[in-house]
N, C-alpha and C. Protein backbone atom coordinates (compact mmCIF):
# COMPACT_ATOMS: atom_id res chain seq x y z
N UNK A 1 133.11 111.07 103.22
CA UNK A 1 131.86 110.42 102.88
C UNK A 1 132.16 109.13 102.13
N UNK A 2 131.51 108.07 102.54
CA UNK A 2 131.67 106.78 101.87
C UNK A 2 130.59 106.61 100.82
N UNK A 3 131.00 106.37 99.59
CA UNK A 3 130.05 106.25 98.50
C UNK A 3 129.14 105.04 98.66
N UNK A 4 129.57 104.01 99.37
CA UNK A 4 128.72 102.84 99.53
C UNK A 4 127.55 103.09 100.47
N UNK A 5 127.53 104.26 101.11
CA UNK A 5 126.41 104.62 101.99
C UNK A 5 125.34 105.40 101.25
N UNK A 6 125.58 105.79 100.03
CA UNK A 6 124.58 106.52 99.24
C UNK A 6 123.52 105.53 98.78
N UNK A 7 122.26 105.84 99.11
CA UNK A 7 121.16 104.94 98.80
C UNK A 7 120.26 105.45 97.68
N UNK A 8 120.31 106.75 97.44
CA UNK A 8 119.40 107.33 96.45
C UNK A 8 120.06 108.50 95.73
N UNK A 9 119.54 108.77 94.55
CA UNK A 9 119.96 109.91 93.75
C UNK A 9 118.71 110.71 93.44
N UNK A 10 118.65 111.95 93.88
CA UNK A 10 117.52 112.83 93.59
C UNK A 10 117.99 113.89 92.61
N UNK A 11 117.16 114.16 91.61
CA UNK A 11 117.52 115.12 90.58
C UNK A 11 116.30 115.89 90.10
N UNK A 12 116.54 117.09 89.65
CA UNK A 12 115.52 117.89 88.99
C UNK A 12 115.41 117.39 87.55
N UNK A 13 114.41 117.85 86.82
CA UNK A 13 114.27 117.46 85.42
C UNK A 13 114.81 118.54 84.48
N UNK A 14 114.14 119.71 84.46
CA UNK A 14 114.52 120.76 83.51
C UNK A 14 115.92 121.29 83.77
N UNK A 15 116.70 121.33 82.71
CA UNK A 15 118.08 121.84 82.70
C UNK A 15 119.04 121.00 83.55
N UNK A 16 118.57 119.85 83.99
CA UNK A 16 119.44 118.90 84.68
C UNK A 16 119.49 117.62 83.86
N UNK A 17 118.33 117.14 83.46
CA UNK A 17 118.23 115.97 82.57
C UNK A 17 117.93 116.40 81.14
N UNK A 18 117.87 117.73 80.95
CA UNK A 18 117.62 118.29 79.62
C UNK A 18 118.67 119.35 79.31
N UNK A 19 118.66 119.77 78.06
CA UNK A 19 119.49 120.90 77.66
C UNK A 19 118.82 122.18 78.15
N UNK A 20 119.46 123.33 77.93
CA UNK A 20 118.87 124.61 78.33
C UNK A 20 117.56 124.89 77.61
N UNK A 21 117.40 124.34 76.38
CA UNK A 21 116.14 124.53 75.66
C UNK A 21 115.16 123.38 75.90
N UNK A 22 115.38 122.64 76.98
CA UNK A 22 114.47 121.61 77.51
C UNK A 22 114.36 120.35 76.64
N UNK A 23 115.37 120.10 75.84
CA UNK A 23 115.40 118.85 75.07
C UNK A 23 116.04 117.76 75.93
N UNK A 24 115.42 116.57 75.99
CA UNK A 24 115.98 115.48 76.79
C UNK A 24 117.41 115.13 76.38
N UNK A 25 118.23 114.77 77.35
CA UNK A 25 119.61 114.36 77.10
C UNK A 25 119.68 112.84 77.26
N UNK A 26 119.82 112.09 76.16
CA UNK A 26 119.84 110.63 76.25
C UNK A 26 120.90 110.09 77.22
N UNK A 27 122.06 110.75 77.30
CA UNK A 27 123.11 110.30 78.21
C UNK A 27 122.68 110.39 79.66
N UNK A 28 121.84 111.40 79.98
CA UNK A 28 121.35 111.56 81.35
C UNK A 28 120.44 110.39 81.72
N UNK A 29 119.57 109.99 80.80
CA UNK A 29 118.70 108.84 81.05
C UNK A 29 119.52 107.57 81.20
N UNK A 30 120.53 107.45 80.39
CA UNK A 30 121.41 106.28 80.47
C UNK A 30 122.11 106.24 81.83
N UNK A 31 122.57 107.39 82.30
CA UNK A 31 123.23 107.46 83.61
C UNK A 31 122.27 107.10 84.73
N UNK A 32 121.02 107.55 84.65
CA UNK A 32 120.02 107.19 85.67
C UNK A 32 119.76 105.68 85.67
N UNK A 33 119.65 105.10 84.48
CA UNK A 33 119.45 103.65 84.39
C UNK A 33 120.64 102.89 84.99
N UNK A 34 121.84 103.37 84.72
CA UNK A 34 123.04 102.72 85.25
C UNK A 34 123.08 102.84 86.78
N UNK A 35 122.73 103.99 87.31
CA UNK A 35 122.71 104.18 88.76
C UNK A 35 121.68 103.26 89.40
N UNK A 36 120.53 103.13 88.75
CA UNK A 36 119.48 102.24 89.28
C UNK A 36 119.94 100.79 89.24
N UNK A 37 120.63 100.42 88.17
CA UNK A 37 121.14 99.05 88.05
C UNK A 37 122.16 98.74 89.15
N UNK A 38 122.83 99.76 89.65
CA UNK A 38 123.80 99.58 90.74
C UNK A 38 123.15 99.61 92.12
N UNK A 39 121.82 99.73 92.13
CA UNK A 39 121.11 99.67 93.40
C UNK A 39 120.65 100.98 93.98
N UNK A 40 120.96 102.09 93.32
CA UNK A 40 120.49 103.39 93.82
C UNK A 40 119.01 103.57 93.50
N UNK A 41 118.28 104.19 94.41
CA UNK A 41 116.90 104.59 94.15
C UNK A 41 116.96 105.91 93.40
N UNK A 42 116.16 106.05 92.36
CA UNK A 42 116.14 107.26 91.55
C UNK A 42 114.88 108.06 91.87
N UNK A 43 115.09 109.32 92.26
CA UNK A 43 114.00 110.23 92.61
C UNK A 43 114.10 111.44 91.68
N UNK A 44 113.02 111.72 90.97
CA UNK A 44 112.99 112.89 90.09
C UNK A 44 111.99 113.88 90.66
N UNK A 45 112.45 115.11 90.87
CA UNK A 45 111.65 116.18 91.46
C UNK A 45 111.54 117.30 90.44
N UNK A 46 110.31 117.77 90.21
CA UNK A 46 110.13 118.76 89.16
C UNK A 46 108.91 119.63 89.41
N UNK A 47 108.87 120.75 88.75
CA UNK A 47 107.68 121.58 88.73
C UNK A 47 106.69 121.12 87.68
N UNK A 48 107.11 120.21 86.85
CA UNK A 48 106.25 119.70 85.78
C UNK A 48 105.09 118.89 86.36
N UNK A 49 104.08 118.62 85.50
CA UNK A 49 102.94 117.84 85.98
C UNK A 49 103.27 116.35 85.98
N UNK A 50 102.51 115.61 86.77
CA UNK A 50 102.77 114.18 86.96
C UNK A 50 102.63 113.38 85.68
N UNK A 51 101.63 113.69 84.86
CA UNK A 51 101.44 112.94 83.62
C UNK A 51 102.69 113.01 82.75
N UNK A 52 103.28 114.20 82.65
CA UNK A 52 104.50 114.36 81.86
C UNK A 52 105.65 113.55 82.45
N UNK A 53 105.89 113.71 83.75
CA UNK A 53 107.00 113.00 84.38
C UNK A 53 106.84 111.49 84.27
N UNK A 54 105.63 111.01 84.49
CA UNK A 54 105.37 109.58 84.42
C UNK A 54 105.63 109.06 83.01
N UNK A 55 105.19 109.81 82.02
CA UNK A 55 105.41 109.42 80.62
C UNK A 55 106.90 109.42 80.26
N UNK A 56 107.61 110.44 80.70
CA UNK A 56 109.02 110.59 80.32
C UNK A 56 109.98 109.75 81.15
N UNK A 57 109.70 109.58 82.46
CA UNK A 57 110.68 108.95 83.34
C UNK A 57 110.12 107.84 84.23
N UNK A 58 108.86 107.50 84.02
CA UNK A 58 108.22 106.51 84.86
C UNK A 58 108.91 105.16 84.88
N UNK A 59 109.52 104.79 83.77
CA UNK A 59 110.21 103.50 83.70
C UNK A 59 111.61 103.54 84.31
N UNK A 60 112.10 104.71 84.61
CA UNK A 60 113.44 104.86 85.17
C UNK A 60 113.39 105.16 86.67
N UNK A 61 112.47 106.04 87.06
CA UNK A 61 112.44 106.56 88.44
C UNK A 61 111.71 105.62 89.40
N UNK A 62 112.21 105.58 90.63
CA UNK A 62 111.53 104.87 91.71
C UNK A 62 110.47 105.76 92.35
N UNK A 63 110.73 107.06 92.36
CA UNK A 63 109.80 108.03 92.92
C UNK A 63 109.78 109.26 92.02
N UNK A 64 108.58 109.76 91.74
CA UNK A 64 108.40 111.01 91.01
C UNK A 64 107.74 112.01 91.97
N UNK A 65 108.29 113.22 92.02
CA UNK A 65 107.70 114.30 92.80
C UNK A 65 107.41 115.41 91.80
N UNK A 66 106.12 115.74 91.65
CA UNK A 66 105.71 116.67 90.60
C UNK A 66 105.08 117.93 91.18
N UNK A 67 104.90 118.90 90.28
CA UNK A 67 104.21 120.15 90.60
C UNK A 67 104.78 120.81 91.85
N UNK A 68 106.10 120.90 91.87
CA UNK A 68 106.82 121.55 92.96
C UNK A 68 106.51 120.95 94.33
N UNK A 69 106.36 119.64 94.35
CA UNK A 69 106.16 118.94 95.61
C UNK A 69 104.71 118.66 95.96
N UNK A 70 103.76 119.11 95.15
CA UNK A 70 102.34 118.92 95.48
C UNK A 70 101.89 117.48 95.29
N UNK A 71 102.52 116.76 94.35
CA UNK A 71 102.15 115.38 94.06
C UNK A 71 103.37 114.48 94.11
N UNK A 72 103.17 113.22 94.49
CA UNK A 72 104.27 112.25 94.47
C UNK A 72 103.72 110.88 94.11
N UNK A 73 104.62 110.06 93.58
CA UNK A 73 104.21 108.73 93.12
C UNK A 73 105.39 107.79 93.19
N UNK A 74 105.17 106.63 93.81
CA UNK A 74 106.17 105.56 93.80
C UNK A 74 105.95 104.77 92.51
N UNK A 75 106.99 104.16 91.99
CA UNK A 75 106.90 103.39 90.75
C UNK A 75 105.79 102.35 90.86
N UNK A 76 104.93 102.31 89.84
CA UNK A 76 103.87 101.33 89.79
C UNK A 76 102.68 101.58 90.70
N UNK A 77 102.67 102.71 91.40
CA UNK A 77 101.56 103.01 92.32
C UNK A 77 100.79 104.23 91.83
N UNK A 78 99.72 104.57 92.54
CA UNK A 78 98.92 105.73 92.18
C UNK A 78 99.57 107.01 92.69
N UNK A 79 99.10 108.12 92.15
CA UNK A 79 99.58 109.44 92.54
C UNK A 79 98.95 109.86 93.86
N UNK A 80 99.76 110.48 94.72
CA UNK A 80 99.30 110.98 96.02
C UNK A 80 99.52 112.48 96.09
N UNK A 81 98.64 113.16 96.80
CA UNK A 81 98.82 114.58 97.06
C UNK A 81 99.60 114.74 98.34
N UNK A 82 100.54 115.66 98.36
CA UNK A 82 101.29 115.95 99.57
C UNK A 82 100.35 116.48 100.64
N UNK A 83 99.48 117.37 100.24
CA UNK A 83 98.42 117.88 101.10
C UNK A 83 97.32 118.39 100.19
N UNK A 84 96.09 118.41 100.65
CA UNK A 84 95.00 118.88 99.78
C UNK A 84 95.15 120.35 99.44
N UNK A 85 94.72 120.75 98.25
CA UNK A 85 94.82 122.17 97.88
C UNK A 85 94.02 123.03 98.85
N UNK A 86 94.60 124.10 99.28
CA UNK A 86 93.94 125.01 100.21
C UNK A 86 93.01 125.95 99.45
N UNK A 87 91.87 126.26 100.04
CA UNK A 87 90.89 127.14 99.42
C UNK A 87 91.52 128.51 99.10
N UNK A 88 92.39 128.98 99.97
CA UNK A 88 93.03 130.28 99.75
C UNK A 88 93.93 130.26 98.51
N UNK A 89 94.59 129.13 98.28
CA UNK A 89 95.45 129.02 97.09
C UNK A 89 94.58 129.03 95.84
N UNK A 90 93.49 128.25 95.86
CA UNK A 90 92.58 128.24 94.71
C UNK A 90 92.05 129.66 94.43
N UNK A 91 91.64 130.35 95.48
CA UNK A 91 91.12 131.70 95.32
C UNK A 91 92.18 132.63 94.73
N UNK A 92 93.42 132.50 95.19
CA UNK A 92 94.52 133.33 94.68
C UNK A 92 94.79 133.05 93.20
N UNK A 93 94.55 131.82 92.76
CA UNK A 93 94.79 131.47 91.36
C UNK A 93 93.67 131.92 90.43
N UNK A 94 92.47 132.19 90.98
CA UNK A 94 91.35 132.65 90.17
C UNK A 94 91.74 133.90 89.39
N UNK A 95 91.47 133.88 88.12
CA UNK A 95 91.75 135.05 87.29
C UNK A 95 93.16 135.09 86.73
N UNK A 96 94.05 134.25 87.23
CA UNK A 96 95.41 134.21 86.69
C UNK A 96 95.46 133.24 85.52
N UNK A 97 96.42 133.41 84.66
CA UNK A 97 96.62 132.49 83.56
C UNK A 97 97.46 131.33 84.08
N UNK A 98 96.84 130.49 84.92
CA UNK A 98 97.55 129.37 85.55
C UNK A 98 96.63 128.17 85.59
N UNK A 99 97.24 127.00 85.54
CA UNK A 99 96.48 125.76 85.65
C UNK A 99 96.91 125.03 86.90
N UNK A 100 95.94 124.40 87.56
CA UNK A 100 96.25 123.56 88.73
C UNK A 100 95.71 122.18 88.44
N UNK A 101 96.56 121.19 88.51
CA UNK A 101 96.15 119.82 88.26
C UNK A 101 95.91 119.13 89.59
N UNK A 102 94.83 118.40 89.69
CA UNK A 102 94.49 117.72 90.93
C UNK A 102 94.77 116.24 90.81
N UNK A 103 95.16 115.57 91.88
CA UNK A 103 95.47 114.14 91.83
C UNK A 103 94.24 113.31 91.47
N UNK A 104 94.51 112.19 90.91
CA UNK A 104 93.44 111.28 90.50
C UNK A 104 92.86 110.58 91.69
């Protein structure tokens, strides 16, 4: 594999850019900034909500993928839904101690 053919770096957030107790690792952010400065596109994929990811990594990432793939956002653009929430999923969540965030 030729390293000059790598165009993007995709990473998870929790326990990849954080410690096991979910504290941010400054060196990880520094490494992402350095990779971006070298021309790599930075993609962060997480189960976290978009507001959190945008606040924490919006200035570093080219693409944010949130809520386990349900939402995505290119840097400087609005949030998009991968697909609209299905009525069956909403019904299944009724009564559970769970929150579902909808795109703006």
